[in-house]
C-alpha atoms as a PDB file:
ATOM      1  CA  MET A   1     181.431 -10.261  14.334  1.00  0.00           C
ATOM      2  CA  SER A   2     185.395 -10.821  14.227  1.00  0.00           C
ATOM      3  CA  SER A   3     187.105 -13.584  15.226  1.00  0.00           C
ATOM      4  CA  THR A   4     188.784 -11.986  17.897  1.00  0.00           C
ATOM      5  CA  THR A   5     184.981 -10.990  19.546  1.00  0.00           C
ATOM      6  CA  MET A   6     183.674 -14.682  18.856  1.00  0.00           C
ATOM      7  CA  VAL A   7     186.518 -15.861  21.099  1.00  0.00           C
ATOM      8  CA  ALA A   8     186.186 -13.335  23.953  1.00  0.00           C
ATOM      9  CA  GLU A   9     182.157 -14.084  23.740  1.00  0.00           C
ATOM     10  CA  ALA A  10     183.022 -17.892  24.236  1.00  0.00           C
ATOM     11  CA  MET A  11     185.153 -17.047  27.188  1.00  0.00           C
ATOM     12  CA  TRP A  12     182.706 -15.199  28.787  1.00  0.00           C
ATOM     13  CA  LEU A  13     180.031 -17.603  28.339  1.00  0.00           C
ATOM     14  CA  ASN A  14     182.364 -20.574  29.663  1.00  0.00           C
ATOM     15  CA  ILE A  15     183.280 -18.410  32.818  1.00  0.00           C
ATOM     16  CA  GLU A  16     179.501 -17.631  33.321  1.00  0.00           C
ATOM     17  CA  SER A  17     178.224 -21.045  32.947  1.00  0.00           C
ATOM     18  CA  THR A  18     181.000 -21.951  36.020  1.00  0.00           C
ATOM     19  CA  HIS A  19     181.099 -18.714  37.865  1.00  0.00           C
ATOM     20  CA  SER A  20     185.079 -19.355  37.611  1.00  0.00           C
ATOM     21  CA  VAL A  21     187.801 -18.347  35.724  1.00  0.00           C
ATOM     22  CA  THR A  22     190.916 -20.910  35.020  1.00  0.00           C
ATOM     23  CA  ASP A  23     194.396 -19.901  34.176  1.00  0.00           C
ATOM     24  CA  ASP A  24     193.821 -20.585  30.498  1.00  0.00           C
ATOM     25  CA  GLN A  25     190.970 -18.783  30.255  1.00  0.00           C
ATOM     26  CA  LEU A  26     192.805 -15.807  31.796  1.00  0.00           C
ATOM     27  CA  MET A  27     195.929 -16.215  29.796  1.00  0.00           C
ATOM     28  CA  ILE A  28     193.413 -16.216  26.364  1.00  0.00           C
ATOM     29  CA  LEU A  29     191.608 -12.957  27.822  1.00  0.00           C
ATOM     30  CA  ASN A  30     194.877 -11.401  28.298  1.00  0.00           C
ATOM     31  CA  PHE A  31     196.186 -12.087  25.093  1.00  0.00           C
ATOM     32  CA  LEU A  32     193.033 -10.648  23.637  1.00  0.00           C
ATOM     33  CA  PHE A  33     192.520  -7.508  25.552  1.00  0.00           C
ATOM     34  CA  GLY A  34     196.251  -6.721  26.938  1.00  0.00           C
ATOM     35  CA  LYS A  35     196.817  -4.017  29.742  1.00  0.00           C
ATOM     36  CA  ASN A  36     193.146  -3.309  29.748  1.00  0.00           C
ATOM     37  CA  PHE A  37     192.605  -6.715  31.261  1.00  0.00           C
ATOM     38  CA  GLU A  38     195.199  -6.855  33.590  1.00  0.00           C
ATOM     39  CA  ARG A  39     193.657  -3.563  34.821  1.00  0.00           C
ATOM     40  CA  ALA A  40     190.073  -4.771  34.926  1.00  0.00           C
ATOM     41  CA  THR A  41     191.140  -8.132  36.901  1.00  0.00           C
ATOM     42  CA  ARG A  42     192.545  -5.525  39.802  1.00  0.00           C
ATOM     43  CA  ILE A  43     189.247  -3.875  39.506  1.00  0.00           C
ATOM     44  CA  VAL A  44     187.071  -7.069  40.321  1.00  0.00           C
ATOM     45  CA  ASP A  45     189.604  -8.025  42.831  1.00  0.00           C
ATOM     46  CA  GLN A  46     188.992  -4.923  44.899  1.00  0.00           C
ATOM     47  CA  ARG A  47     184.810  -5.375  44.367  1.00  0.00           C
ATOM     48  CA  GLY A  48     184.810  -2.155  42.127  1.00  0.00           C
ATOM     49  CA  VAL A  49     181.971  -3.047  40.080  1.00  0.00           C
ATOM     50  CA  LYS A  50     178.415  -2.333  41.118  1.00  0.00           C
ATOM     51  CA  LYS A  51     175.653  -3.337  38.994  1.00  0.00           C
ATOM     52  CA  ILE A  52     172.740  -1.203  39.782  1.00  0.00           C
ATOM     53  CA  CYS A  53     169.182  -3.139  38.834  1.00  0.00           C
ATOM     54  CA  GLY A  54     166.285  -1.050  38.173  1.00  0.00           C
ATOM     55  CA  GLU A  55     162.899  -2.497  39.916  1.00  0.00           C
ATOM     56  CA  PRO A  56     160.433  -3.245  38.727  1.00  0.00           C
ATOM     57  CA  SER A  57     161.820  -3.468  35.211  1.00  0.00           C
ATOM     58  CA  GLY A  58     165.357  -5.360  35.745  1.00  0.00           C
ATOM     59  CA  ARG A  59     167.022  -3.047  33.508  1.00  0.00           C
ATOM     60  CA  SER A  60     170.853  -2.622  34.716  1.00  0.00           C
ATOM     61  CA  ILE A  61     173.844  -0.233  34.378  1.00  0.00           C
ATOM     62  CA  PHE A  62     177.487  -1.112  35.793  1.00  0.00           C
ATOM     63  CA  GLN A  63     179.100   1.445  37.674  1.00  0.00           C
ATOM     64  CA  VAL A  64     182.800   0.921  37.818  1.00  0.00           C
ATOM     65  CA  VAL A  65     185.619   2.496  39.995  1.00  0.00           C
ATOM     66  CA  GLY A  66     188.398   3.998  37.981  1.00  0.00           C
ATOM     67  CA  GLU A  67     191.857   3.398  39.043  1.00  0.00           C
ATOM     68  CA  SER A  68     193.087   7.091  39.691  1.00  0.00           C
ATOM     69  CA  ARG A  69     193.639   8.587  42.889  1.00  0.00           C
ATOM     70  CA  LYS A  70     190.291  10.202  42.737  1.00  0.00           C
ATOM     71  CA  LYS A  71     188.642   6.636  42.520  1.00  0.00           C
ATOM     72  CA  GLU A  72     186.171   8.199  39.811  1.00  0.00           C
ATOM     73  CA  GLU A  73     182.860   6.013  39.183  1.00  0.00           C
ATOM     74  CA  TYR A  74     181.905   5.294  35.371  1.00  0.00           C
ATOM     75  CA  LEU A  75     178.611   4.140  34.226  1.00  0.00           C
ATOM     76  CA  CYS A  76     178.855   1.625  31.684  1.00  0.00           C
ATOM     77  CA  PHE A  77     177.124  -0.948  29.641  1.00  0.00           C
ATOM     78  CA  ALA A  78     179.577  -4.158  29.215  1.00  0.00           C
ATOM     79  CA  GLU A  79     179.172  -4.871  25.722  1.00  0.00           C
ATOM     80  CA  HIS A  80     178.855  -1.382  24.300  1.00  0.00           C
ATOM     81  CA  PHE A  81     179.236   1.731  26.249  1.00  0.00           C
ATOM     82  CA  CYS A  82     181.303   3.179  28.873  1.00  0.00           C
ATOM     83  CA  ALA A  83     181.460   7.125  30.288  1.00  0.00           C
ATOM     84  CA  CYS A  84     185.197   7.046  30.702  1.00  0.00           C
ATOM     85  CA  TYR A  85     187.806   8.928  28.146  1.00  0.00           C
ATOM     86  CA  SER A  86     189.271   5.771  27.152  1.00  0.00           C
ATOM     87  CA  PHE A  87     186.249   4.740  25.764  1.00  0.00           C
ATOM     88  CA  PHE A  88     186.003   7.212  23.373  1.00  0.00           C
ATOM     89  CA  TYR A  89     189.470   8.132  22.766  1.00  0.00           C
ATOM     90  CA  ASP A  90     190.607   4.578  22.329  1.00  0.00           C
ATOM     91  CA  VAL A  91     187.663   2.548  21.353  1.00  0.00           C
ATOM     92  CA  VAL A  92     185.337   5.135  19.321  1.00  0.00           C
ATOM     93  CA  ASN A  93     187.943   7.719  17.840  1.00  0.00           C
ATOM     94  CA  ARG A  94     191.188   5.301  17.227  1.00  0.00           C
ATOM     95  CA  GLY A  95     189.524   1.927  17.249  1.00  0.00           C
ATOM     96  CA  GLU A  96     192.879   0.709  19.190  1.00  0.00           C
ATOM     97  CA  GLN A  97     190.741  -1.334  21.631  1.00  0.00           C
ATOM     98  CA  LEU A  98     187.750  -3.448  21.701  1.00  0.00           C
ATOM     99  CA  CYS A  99     186.681  -1.970  24.816  1.00  0.00           C
ATOM    100  CA  CYS A 100     187.797   0.119  27.846  1.00  0.00           C
ATOM    101  CA  LYS A 101     188.909  -1.815  31.281  1.00  0.00           C
ATOM    102  CA  HIS A 102     185.714  -0.689  32.618  1.00  0.00           C
ATOM    103  CA  GLN A 103     183.447  -2.825  30.531  1.00  0.00           C
ATOM    104  CA  LEU A 104     185.932  -5.373  30.457  1.00  0.00           C
ATOM    105  CA  ALA A 105     185.690  -5.238  34.742  1.00  0.00           C
ATOM    106  CA  ALA A 106     181.795  -5.180  34.322  1.00  0.00           C
ATOM    107  CA  ARG A 107     181.593  -8.470  31.995  1.00  0.00           C
ATOM    108  CA  LEU A 108     184.380 -10.440  34.217  1.00  0.00           C
ATOM    109  CA  ALA A 109     182.423  -9.613  37.582  1.00  0.00           C
ATOM    110  CA  GLU A 110     179.005 -10.275  35.878  1.00  0.00           C
ATOM    111  CA  SER A 111     180.456 -13.514  34.716  1.00  0.00           C
ATOM    112  CA  LEU A 112     181.731 -14.289  38.058  1.00  0.00           C
ATOM    113  CA  GLY A 113     178.773 -13.553  39.784  1.00  0.00           C
ATOM    114  CA  SER A 114     180.602 -10.925  41.587  1.00  0.00           C
ATOM    115  CA  CYS A 115     179.231  -7.661  41.133  1.00  0.00           C
ATOM    116  CA  VAL A 116     177.941  -5.739  44.350  1.00  0.00           C
ATOM    117  CA  GLU A 117     174.233  -5.609  43.658  1.00  0.00           C
ATOM    118  CA  VAL A 118     172.176  -2.327  44.150  1.00  0.00           C
ATOM    119  CA  LYS A 119     168.541  -1.945  43.810  1.00  0.00           C
ATOM    120  CA  LEU A 120     166.862   1.036  43.034  1.00  0.00           C
ATOM    121  CA  PRO A 121     163.581   2.349  41.812  1.00  0.00           C
ATOM    122  CA  ASP A 122     163.298   2.501  37.926  1.00  0.00           C
ATOM    123  CA  GLU A 123     162.640   6.195  38.369  1.00  0.00           C
ATOM    124  CA  GLU A 124     166.065   6.782  40.170  1.00  0.00           C
ATOM    125  CA  LEU A 125     167.709   4.830  37.433  1.00  0.00           C
ATOM    126  CA  ALA A 126     166.339   6.661  34.694  1.00  0.00           C
ATOM    127  CA  LEU A 127     167.518   9.975  36.350  1.00  0.00           C
ATOM    128  CA  LEU A 128     171.190   8.015  36.635  1.00  0.00           C
ATOM    129  CA  LEU A 129     171.170   7.193  33.076  1.00  0.00           C
ATOM    130  CA  SER A 130     169.940  11.000  31.966  1.00  0.00           C
ATOM    131  CA  LYS A 131     173.191  12.334  33.279  1.00  0.00           C
ATOM    132  CA  LEU A 132     175.045  10.364  30.330  1.00  0.00           C
END
């Protein structure tokens, strides 16, 4: 795990423990993730993060609204994957970013406890995931 990832993980855990974020934490996360973090905070402020939970398994995935005029929604796992173009281009192909803004928005919203929670039967969640 890189030192950047370790610092970010410590920030997420701290935010999650208090369900609040300080100016210092915002500054550190902004330093680590740059413009993607600023964009992620706008998505969270607009309540654009849904946590879709399967029942009875408890498995979950995030659905995050994009910032384009189309307001597309992207499925993502906050720490590992997003279905958006930026994830594949900037994170996977070029390695320029640690994650995309949708992943950051999902992680921030979950840490703050501000996700819109949606419950689905496991079968419906499986169908949703099969479209990835």
